[in-house]
C-alpha atoms as a PDB file:
ATOM      1  CA  UNK A   1      23.817  43.127  18.037  1.00  0.00           C
ATOM      2  CA  UNK A   2      23.511  44.625  21.453  1.00  0.00           C
ATOM      3  CA  UNK A   3      21.743  47.873  22.733  1.00  0.00           C
ATOM      4  CA  UNK A   4      22.794  49.101  26.168  1.00  0.00           C
ATOM      5  CA  UNK A   5      21.623  51.899  28.419  1.00  0.00           C
ATOM      6  CA  UNK A   6      24.579  51.402  30.630  1.00  0.00           C
ATOM      7  CA  UNK A   7      22.502  49.317  33.074  1.00  0.00           C
ATOM      8  CA  UNK A   8      20.700  46.757  31.043  1.00  0.00           C
ATOM      9  CA  UNK A   9      21.814  45.043  27.695  1.00  0.00           C
ATOM     10  CA  UNK A  10      19.366  43.868  25.061  1.00  0.00           C
ATOM     11  CA  UNK A  11      20.769  41.429  22.576  1.00  0.00           C
ATOM     12  CA  UNK A  12      19.371  40.745  18.997  1.00  0.00           C
ATOM     13  CA  UNK A  13      20.631  37.582  17.036  1.00  0.00           C
ATOM     14  CA  UNK A  14      19.848  36.919  13.444  1.00  0.00           C
ATOM     15  CA  UNK A  15      21.146  35.012  10.405  1.00  0.00           C
ATOM     16  CA  UNK A  16      22.408  37.001   7.541  1.00  0.00           C
ATOM     17  CA  UNK A  17      21.798  35.628   4.201  1.00  0.00           C
ATOM     18  CA  UNK A  18      24.068  36.836   1.432  1.00  0.00           C
ATOM     19  CA  UNK A  19      22.194  37.396  -1.868  1.00  0.00           C
ATOM     20  CA  UNK A  20      24.289  36.883  -4.924  1.00  0.00           C
ATOM     21  CA  UNK A  21      24.868  39.943  -7.215  1.00  0.00           C
ATOM     22  CA  UNK A  22      22.874  38.333  -9.883  1.00  0.00           C
ATOM     23  CA  UNK A  23      19.822  37.819  -7.419  1.00  0.00           C
ATOM     24  CA  UNK A  24      18.692  34.790  -5.392  1.00  0.00           C
ATOM     25  CA  UNK A  25      17.900  31.394  -6.941  1.00  0.00           C
ATOM     26  CA  UNK A  26      15.040  29.696  -5.306  1.00  0.00           C
ATOM     27  CA  UNK A  27      15.574  26.244  -3.741  1.00  0.00           C
ATOM     28  CA  UNK A  28      14.501  23.136  -5.978  1.00  0.00           C
ATOM     29  CA  UNK A  29      13.081  19.897  -5.014  1.00  0.00           C
ATOM     30  CA  UNK A  30      15.108  17.110  -6.378  1.00  0.00           C
ATOM     31  CA  UNK A  31      12.907  14.100  -5.206  1.00  0.00           C
ATOM     32  CA  UNK A  32       9.779  12.980  -6.875  1.00  0.00           C
ATOM     33  CA  UNK A  33       6.873  12.395  -4.458  1.00  0.00           C
ATOM     34  CA  UNK A  34       5.519   8.996  -3.665  1.00  0.00           C
ATOM     35  CA  UNK A  35       1.921   9.367  -4.558  1.00  0.00           C
ATOM     36  CA  UNK A  36       0.342   6.126  -3.356  1.00  0.00           C
ATOM     37  CA  UNK A  37      -0.158   4.889   0.254  1.00  0.00           C
ATOM     38  CA  UNK A  38      -1.516   1.540   1.276  1.00  0.00           C
ATOM     39  CA  UNK A  39      -4.006   1.444   4.173  1.00  0.00           C
ATOM     40  CA  UNK A  40      -2.605  -0.063   7.212  1.00  0.00           C
ATOM     41  CA  UNK A  41       0.905   0.057   5.834  1.00  0.00           C
ATOM     42  CA  UNK A  42       3.793   2.446   6.512  1.00  0.00           C
ATOM     43  CA  UNK A  43       4.214   5.181   3.882  1.00  0.00           C
ATOM     44  CA  UNK A  44       7.522   6.863   3.471  1.00  0.00           C
ATOM     45  CA  UNK A  45       8.801   9.760   1.219  1.00  0.00           C
ATOM     46  CA  UNK A  46      12.338  10.621   1.393  1.00  0.00           C
ATOM     47  CA  UNK A  47      12.483  14.356   0.392  1.00  0.00           C
ATOM     48  CA  UNK A  48      15.478  16.199  -1.117  1.00  0.00           C
ATOM     49  CA  UNK A  49      15.958  19.861  -2.105  1.00  0.00           C
ATOM     50  CA  UNK A  50      18.957  21.817  -3.163  1.00  0.00           C
ATOM     51  CA  UNK A  51      19.922  25.484  -3.402  1.00  0.00           C
ATOM     52  CA  UNK A  52      22.069  26.697  -6.264  1.00  0.00           C
ATOM     53  CA  UNK A  53      23.455  29.487  -4.016  1.00  0.00           C
ATOM     54  CA  UNK A  54      24.368  27.088  -1.293  1.00  0.00           C
ATOM     55  CA  UNK A  55      22.092  28.593   1.171  1.00  0.00           C
ATOM     56  CA  UNK A  56      20.667  26.345   3.878  1.00  0.00           C
ATOM     57  CA  UNK A  57      17.453  24.723   2.884  1.00  0.00           C
ATOM     58  CA  UNK A  58      14.591  24.155   5.318  1.00  0.00           C
ATOM     59  CA  UNK A  59      11.891  21.696   4.506  1.00  0.00           C
ATOM     60  CA  UNK A  60       8.372  21.909   5.924  1.00  0.00           C
ATOM     61  CA  UNK A  61       4.861  20.448   5.469  1.00  0.00           C
ATOM     62  CA  UNK A  62       2.275  23.295   5.636  1.00  0.00           C
ATOM     63  CA  UNK A  63      -0.499  20.974   4.346  1.00  0.00           C
ATOM     64  CA  UNK A  64      -0.698  17.331   5.336  1.00  0.00           C
ATOM     65  CA  UNK A  65      -3.057  14.835   7.002  1.00  0.00           C
ATOM     66  CA  UNK A  66      -2.738  14.284  10.673  1.00  0.00           C
ATOM     67  CA  UNK A  67      -1.425  10.647  10.105  1.00  0.00           C
ATOM     68  CA  UNK A  68       1.775  11.974   8.413  1.00  0.00           C
ATOM     69  CA  UNK A  69       4.798  13.229  10.274  1.00  0.00           C
ATOM     70  CA  UNK A  70       7.543  15.172   8.750  1.00  0.00           C
ATOM     71  CA  UNK A  71      11.014  14.709  10.204  1.00  0.00           C
ATOM     72  CA  UNK A  72      13.982  16.886   9.136  1.00  0.00           C
ATOM     73  CA  UNK A  73      17.109  14.901   8.538  1.00  0.00           C
ATOM     74  CA  UNK A  74      19.533  17.717   7.649  1.00  0.00           C
ATOM     75  CA  UNK A  75      20.115  20.533   5.027  1.00  0.00           C
ATOM     76  CA  UNK A  76      17.657  19.971   2.263  1.00  0.00           C
ATOM     77  CA  UNK A  77      16.557  16.513   3.337  1.00  0.00           C
ATOM     78  CA  UNK A  78      13.485  15.289   5.306  1.00  0.00           C
ATOM     79  CA  UNK A  79      11.338  12.175   5.725  1.00  0.00           C
ATOM     80  CA  UNK A  80       7.552  12.224   5.442  1.00  0.00           C
ATOM     81  CA  UNK A  81       5.998   9.144   6.841  1.00  0.00           C
ATOM     82  CA  UNK A  82       2.916   7.603   8.553  1.00  0.00           C
ATOM     83  CA  UNK A  83       0.423   4.778   8.348  1.00  0.00           C
ATOM     84  CA  UNK A  84      -3.126   5.600   6.912  1.00  0.00           C
ATOM     85  CA  UNK A  85      -6.072   4.188   8.548  1.00  0.00           C
ATOM     86  CA  UNK A  86      -8.636   2.304   6.839  1.00  0.00           C
ATOM     87  CA  UNK A  87     -11.245   4.293   5.136  1.00  0.00           C
ATOM     88  CA  UNK A  88      -9.272   7.435   5.234  1.00  0.00           C
ATOM     89  CA  UNK A  89      -9.859   9.986   2.218  1.00  0.00           C
ATOM     90  CA  UNK A  90      -7.139  10.660  -0.254  1.00  0.00           C
ATOM     91  CA  UNK A  91      -5.410  13.785   0.984  1.00  0.00           C
ATOM     92  CA  UNK A  92      -3.529  16.664  -0.762  1.00  0.00           C
ATOM     93  CA  UNK A  93       0.119  17.303   0.539  1.00  0.00           C
ATOM     94  CA  UNK A  94       2.031  20.434   0.146  1.00  0.00           C
ATOM     95  CA  UNK A  95       5.715  20.560   1.095  1.00  0.00           C
ATOM     96  CA  UNK A  96       7.846  23.711   1.124  1.00  0.00           C
ATOM     97  CA  UNK A  97      11.670  24.228   0.731  1.00  0.00           C
ATOM     98  CA  UNK A  98      12.924  27.556   1.830  1.00  0.00           C
ATOM     99  CA  UNK A  99      16.506  29.149   1.721  1.00  0.00           C
ATOM    100  CA  UNK A 100      15.374  32.040   4.152  1.00  0.00           C
ATOM    101  CA  UNK A 101      14.735  34.310   1.157  1.00  0.00           C
ATOM    102  CA  UNK A 102      12.464  32.316  -1.319  1.00  0.00           C
ATOM    103  CA  UNK A 103      10.186  29.422  -0.821  1.00  0.00           C
ATOM    104  CA  UNK A 104       9.386  26.718  -3.353  1.00  0.00           C
ATOM    105  CA  UNK A 105       6.301  24.487  -2.972  1.00  0.00           C
ATOM    106  CA  UNK A 106       5.710  20.903  -4.079  1.00  0.00           C
ATOM    107  CA  UNK A 107       2.046  19.763  -3.906  1.00  0.00           C
ATOM    108  CA  UNK A 108       0.629  16.385  -4.851  1.00  0.00           C
ATOM    109  CA  UNK A 109      -2.421  14.267  -4.382  1.00  0.00           C
ATOM    110  CA  UNK A 110      -1.842  11.290  -2.207  1.00  0.00           C
ATOM    111  CA  UNK A 111      -3.798   8.264  -3.235  1.00  0.00           C
ATOM    112  CA  UNK A 112      -4.744   5.846  -0.399  1.00  0.00           C
ATOM    113  CA  UNK A 113      -5.256   2.192  -1.532  1.00  0.00           C
ATOM    114  CA  UNK A 114      -7.262  -0.137   0.423  1.00  0.00           C
ATOM    115  CA  UNK A 115      -6.501  -3.779   0.275  1.00  0.00           C
ATOM    116  CA  UNK A 116      -8.760  -5.935  -2.014  1.00  0.00           C
ATOM    117  CA  UNK A 117     -11.314  -8.194  -0.405  1.00  0.00           C
ATOM    118  CA  UNK A 118     -11.912 -11.831  -1.304  1.00  0.00           C
ATOM    119  CA  UNK A 119     -14.038 -14.858  -0.244  1.00  0.00           C
ATOM    120  CA  UNK A 120     -14.611 -18.338  -1.535  1.00  0.00           C
ATOM    121  CA  UNK A 121     -18.418 -18.612  -1.638  1.00  0.00           C
ATOM    122  CA  UNK A 122     -18.711 -22.246  -3.053  1.00  0.00           C
ATOM    123  CA  UNK A 123     -18.190 -24.295  -1.339  1.00  0.00           C
ATOM    124  CA  UNK A 124     -19.125 -22.366   1.752  1.00  0.00           C
ATOM    125  CA  UNK A 125     -17.376 -24.694   4.082  1.00  0.00           C
ATOM    126  CA  UNK A 126     -13.500 -24.481   4.717  1.00  0.00           C
ATOM    127  CA  UNK A 127     -13.150 -28.265   4.618  1.00  0.00           C
ATOM    128  CA  UNK A 128     -14.996 -30.539   2.299  1.00  0.00           C
ATOM    129  CA  UNK A 129     -14.963 -34.145   0.964  1.00  0.00           C
ATOM    130  CA  UNK A 130     -15.053 -35.061  -2.643  1.00  0.00           C
ATOM    131  CA  UNK A 131     -15.930 -38.695  -2.740  1.00  0.00           C
ATOM    132  CA  UNK A 132     -15.650 -39.302  -6.398  1.00  0.00           C
ATOM    133  CA  UNK A 133     -12.382 -37.733  -7.826  1.00  0.00           C
ATOM    134  CA  UNK A 134     -13.609 -38.392 -11.472  1.00  0.00           C
ATOM    135  CA  UNK A 135     -16.008 -35.489 -11.064  1.00  0.00           C
ATOM    136  CA  UNK A 136     -15.073 -31.970 -11.197  1.00  0.00           C
ATOM    137  CA  UNK A 137     -15.588 -29.769  -8.062  1.00  0.00           C
ATOM    138  CA  UNK A 138     -17.357 -26.380  -8.660  1.00  0.00           C
ATOM    139  CA  UNK A 139     -15.709 -23.287  -7.166  1.00  0.00           C
ATOM    140  CA  UNK A 140     -16.807 -19.698  -6.861  1.00  0.00           C
ATOM    141  CA  UNK A 141     -15.888 -16.541  -5.067  1.00  0.00           C
ATOM    142  CA  UNK A 142     -16.291 -12.805  -4.642  1.00  0.00           C
ATOM    143  CA  UNK A 143     -13.579 -10.106  -4.899  1.00  0.00           C
ATOM    144  CA  UNK A 144     -13.795  -6.332  -4.546  1.00  0.00           C
ATOM    145  CA  UNK A 145     -11.402  -3.340  -4.513  1.00  0.00           C
ATOM    146  CA  UNK A 146     -11.250   0.422  -4.691  1.00  0.00           C
ATOM    147  CA  UNK A 147      -9.739   0.607  -8.154  1.00  0.00           C
ATOM    148  CA  UNK A 148      -6.282   1.745  -6.900  1.00  0.00           C
ATOM    149  CA  UNK A 149      -3.760   1.522  -8.123  1.00  0.00           C
ATOM    150  CA  UNK A 150      -5.206  -0.685 -10.900  1.00  0.00           C
ATOM    151  CA  UNK A 151      -8.091  -2.996 -11.303  1.00  0.00           C
ATOM    152  CA  UNK A 152      -7.914  -6.259  -9.406  1.00  0.00           C
ATOM    153  CA  UNK A 153      -6.972  -9.619 -10.961  1.00  0.00           C
ATOM    154  CA  UNK A 154      -8.171 -13.047  -9.399  1.00  0.00           C
ATOM    155  CA  UNK A 155      -6.394 -16.311  -9.576  1.00  0.00           C
ATOM    156  CA  UNK A 156      -7.235 -19.879  -8.455  1.00  0.00           C
ATOM    157  CA  UNK A 157      -4.239 -21.825  -7.452  1.00  0.00           C
ATOM    158  CA  UNK A 158      -3.188 -24.922  -5.518  1.00  0.00           C
ATOM    159  CA  UNK A 159      -1.193 -24.408  -2.229  1.00  0.00           C
ATOM    160  CA  UNK A 160      -0.526 -28.079  -1.697  1.00  0.00           C
ATOM    161  CA  UNK A 161      -1.661 -31.584  -2.628  1.00  0.00           C
ATOM    162  CA  UNK A 162      -0.405 -35.048  -3.679  1.00  0.00           C
ATOM    163  CA  UNK A 163      -1.032 -34.186  -7.287  1.00  0.00           C
ATOM    164  CA  UNK A 164      -1.501 -31.111  -9.526  1.00  0.00           C
ATOM    165  CA  UNK A 165      -5.010 -29.873  -9.369  1.00  0.00           C
ATOM    166  CA  UNK A 166      -6.321 -28.442 -12.828  1.00  0.00           C
ATOM    167  CA  UNK A 167      -8.512 -25.316 -12.916  1.00  0.00           C
ATOM    168  CA  UNK A 168     -10.615 -24.964 -15.992  1.00  0.00           C
ATOM    169  CA  UNK A 169     -10.606 -21.122 -15.749  1.00  0.00           C
ATOM    170  CA  UNK A 170      -8.100 -19.975 -13.045  1.00  0.00           C
ATOM    171  CA  UNK A 171      -8.446 -16.389 -13.675  1.00  0.00           C
ATOM    172  CA  UNK A 172     -12.076 -16.298 -13.310  1.00  0.00           C
ATOM    173  CA  UNK A 173     -14.161 -16.149 -10.121  1.00  0.00           C
ATOM    174  CA  UNK A 174     -16.150 -19.081 -11.107  1.00  0.00           C
ATOM    175  CA  UNK A 175     -14.279 -22.380 -12.117  1.00  0.00           C
ATOM    176  CA  UNK A 176     -14.066 -26.084 -12.004  1.00  0.00           C
ATOM    177  CA  UNK A 177     -11.234 -28.072 -10.660  1.00  0.00           C
ATOM    178  CA  UNK A 178     -10.207 -31.664 -11.165  1.00  0.00           C
ATOM    179  CA  UNK A 179      -7.944 -33.764  -8.931  1.00  0.00           C
ATOM    180  CA  UNK A 180      -5.541 -36.433 -10.490  1.00  0.00           C
ATOM    181  CA  UNK A 181      -5.081 -38.603  -7.328  1.00  0.00           C
ATOM    182  CA  UNK A 182      -6.872 -38.960  -4.029  1.00  0.00           C
ATOM    183  CA  UNK A 183      -5.639 -36.908  -1.010  1.00  0.00           C
ATOM    184  CA  UNK A 184      -5.770 -33.604   0.849  1.00  0.00           C
ATOM    185  CA  UNK A 185      -5.643 -30.503  -1.376  1.00  0.00           C
ATOM    186  CA  UNK A 186      -5.560 -26.829  -0.205  1.00  0.00           C
ATOM    187  CA  UNK A 187      -6.890 -24.521  -2.940  1.00  0.00           C
ATOM    188  CA  UNK A 188      -6.680 -20.719  -2.917  1.00  0.00           C
ATOM    189  CA  UNK A 189      -8.431 -17.888  -4.442  1.00  0.00           C
ATOM    190  CA  UNK A 190      -6.341 -14.629  -4.606  1.00  0.00           C
ATOM    191  CA  UNK A 191      -7.113 -11.004  -5.345  1.00  0.00           C
ATOM    192  CA  UNK A 192      -4.393  -8.678  -6.161  1.00  0.00           C
ATOM    193  CA  UNK A 193      -4.370  -4.896  -7.067  1.00  0.00           C
ATOM    194  CA  UNK A 194      -0.599  -4.644  -7.766  1.00  0.00           C
ATOM    195  CA  UNK A 195      -0.105  -2.972  -4.317  1.00  0.00           C
ATOM    196  CA  UNK A 196      -1.622  -5.586  -1.988  1.00  0.00           C
ATOM    197  CA  UNK A 197      -2.668  -9.159  -2.235  1.00  0.00           C
ATOM    198  CA  UNK A 198      -5.280 -11.154  -0.160  1.00  0.00           C
ATOM    199  CA  UNK A 199      -6.542 -14.693  -0.320  1.00  0.00           C
ATOM    200  CA  UNK A 200      -8.881 -17.238   0.922  1.00  0.00           C
ATOM    201  CA  UNK A 201      -8.409 -20.976   1.175  1.00  0.00           C
ATOM    202  CA  UNK A 202     -10.480 -24.209   1.037  1.00  0.00           C
ATOM    203  CA  UNK A 203      -9.339 -27.694   2.045  1.00  0.00           C
ATOM    204  CA  UNK A 204     -10.543 -30.661  -0.095  1.00  0.00           C
ATOM    205  CA  UNK A 205     -10.413 -34.249   0.768  1.00  0.00           C
ATOM    206  CA  UNK A 206     -10.541 -35.866  -2.684  1.00  0.00           C
ATOM    207  CA  UNK A 207     -11.493 -39.548  -2.906  1.00  0.00           C
ATOM    208  CA  UNK A 208     -11.624 -40.194   0.896  1.00  0.00           C
ATOM    209  CA  UNK A 209     -13.535 -39.225   4.093  1.00  0.00           C
ATOM    210  CA  UNK A 210     -12.480 -36.777   6.718  1.00  0.00           C
ATOM    211  CA  UNK A 211     -13.953 -36.407  10.320  1.00  0.00           C
ATOM    212  CA  UNK A 212     -14.343 -32.591   9.793  1.00  0.00           C
ATOM    213  CA  UNK A 213     -16.302 -32.875   6.582  1.00  0.00           C
ATOM    214  CA  UNK A 214     -19.753 -31.281   6.592  1.00  0.00           C
ATOM    215  CA  UNK A 215     -22.347 -30.960   3.883  1.00  0.00           C
ATOM    216  CA  UNK A 216     -21.245 -31.541   0.294  1.00  0.00           C
ATOM    217  CA  UNK A 217     -24.460 -31.588  -1.692  1.00  0.00           C
ATOM    218  CA  UNK A 218     -24.379 -29.946  -5.028  1.00  0.00           C
ATOM    219  CA  UNK A 219     -20.673 -29.235  -5.140  1.00  0.00           C
ATOM    220  CA  UNK A 220     -19.859 -31.697  -7.829  1.00  0.00           C
ATOM    221  CA  UNK A 221     -20.995 -32.624 -11.235  1.00  0.00           C
END
């Protein structure tokens, strides 16, 4: 529209949205939110929404943490992405889908998972010698997690070796391991919470000396 006094013109531009005779239908989200982010890893939620009246849909994020960014990718689509820093609290996110007449909200709690922690505590050296391979080696470790998305599981395993090391209780933090033949073995303790996995390793020289070996007292029996 234009208003003029014969000297100066003033224009007004706007979008006219046609409301169907039966009334306007609010836009609807067609995507389900991704409700878990992993600390230090990129989080992505591909958002989609539709409008039954074929109106243009605009997506916004009126409530979100500062580490998340919303990027519009076209009519009724957008991407919510970001990397949560360590120790960040679990936020609430609210998205909006508007057709210019009615706005629909989608709110959800976004859990932030911290990676588990794990450490081999016995032996406390990273490289040890086991002179007598007929004796079992005692192993123990610690593991922790925030409980998301599920309680952690721990597993002892052999990364490499000349034979197959046998663990008495591979799912327990404390176990004993035996070696069938002499040689260099790498053993691993892994903690997994279904979203992230971490591990710690120890090298064992079974049945032979190694120049890097330090104290081994009390490790076998």
